[in-house]
Amino acid sequence: MKFSESEIQPLWDEVSRIIGDAVIQLHHHGKPFNAEVLVKYLSHQLSEVDEVKRRILLNAAINMLKTNRIRN
């Protein structure tokens, strides 16, 4: 199954929003943040959610952060 750019872009936008929200929450609580801290924060959120779509998006955000961390 292949998806077009226009079908995938809204999902990546949502993944980016999830990461941005995590950064804002960590900053709001005065916690330093980097990719490792963000992965832990999102993993904690993942452990508390049952909704399938949200779990998929959180996993995508976590994987994106892990992949970027390995590349850098």
Protein backbone atom coordinates (compact mmCIF):
# COMPACT_ATOMS: atom_id res chain seq x y z
CA MET A 1 0.00 0.00 0.00
CA LYS A 2 1.40 3.39 -1.01
CA PHE A 3 0.32 6.76 0.24
CA SER A 4 0.63 10.09 -1.51
CA GLU A 5 2.46 13.06 -0.02
CA SER A 6 -0.87 14.80 0.59
CA GLU A 7 -2.10 11.80 2.60
CA ILE A 8 1.03 11.52 4.73
CA GLN A 9 1.75 15.22 5.37
CA PRO A 10 -1.10 15.69 7.90
CA LEU A 11 0.26 12.76 9.91
CA TRP A 12 3.78 14.23 9.99
CA ASP A 13 2.28 17.58 10.97
CA GLU A 14 0.57 15.87 13.93
CA VAL A 15 3.80 14.08 14.90
CA SER A 16 5.62 17.43 14.83
CA ARG A 17 2.88 18.96 16.98
CA ILE A 18 3.24 16.14 19.52
CA ILE A 19 6.99 16.75 19.76
CA GLY A 20 6.44 20.50 20.02
CA ASP A 21 3.89 20.04 22.80
CA ALA A 22 6.38 17.84 24.68
CA VAL A 23 9.07 20.52 24.38
CA ILE A 24 6.66 23.16 25.66
CA GLN A 25 5.59 20.99 28.62
CA LEU A 26 9.19 20.22 29.60
CA HIS A 27 10.13 23.90 29.29
CA HIS A 28 7.05 24.93 31.29
CA HIS A 29 8.12 22.62 34.12
CA GLY A 30 11.67 23.98 33.99
CA LYS A 31 13.16 20.69 32.87
CA PRO A 32 16.04 20.61 30.43
CA PHE A 33 15.27 18.78 27.23
CA ASN A 34 17.10 16.89 24.54
CA ALA A 35 16.14 13.96 22.33
CA GLU A 36 16.64 11.43 25.13
CA VAL A 37 14.46 13.36 27.58
CA LEU A 38 11.79 13.85 24.91
CA VAL A 39 11.79 10.11 24.15
CA LYS A 40 11.30 9.31 27.84
CA TYR A 41 8.51 11.88 28.15
CA LEU A 42 6.69 10.58 25.06
CA SER A 43 7.24 6.96 26.14
CA HIS A 44 5.53 7.77 29.42
CA GLN A 45 2.60 9.29 27.51
CA LEU A 46 2.49 6.18 25.32
CA SER A 47 2.21 3.94 28.37
CA GLU A 48 -0.86 5.85 29.53
CA VAL A 49 -2.91 5.95 26.31
CA ASP A 50 -5.17 3.29 24.82
CA GLU A 51 -6.36 5.05 21.66
CA VAL A 52 -4.76 3.31 18.65
CA LYS A 53 -4.29 6.43 16.51
CA ARG A 54 -2.62 8.32 19.37
CA ARG A 55 -0.34 5.33 20.09
CA ILE A 56 0.73 5.21 16.43
CA LEU A 57 1.48 8.93 16.37
CA LEU A 58 3.41 8.77 19.65
CA ASN A 59 5.44 5.83 18.35
CA ALA A 60 6.18 7.75 15.16
CA ALA A 61 7.37 10.75 17.21
CA ILE A 62 9.55 8.52 19.39
CA ASN A 63 11.04 6.76 16.37
CA MET A 64 11.70 10.09 14.66
CA LEU A 65 13.57 11.37 17.70
CA LYS A 66 15.56 8.14 18.05
CA THR A 67 16.48 8.14 14.35
CA ASN A 68 17.59 11.78 14.43
CA ARG A 69 19.58 11.13 17.60
CA ILE A 70 21.45 8.27 15.92
CA ARG A 71 22.20 10.33 12.80
CA ASN A 72 23.59 13.28 14.78
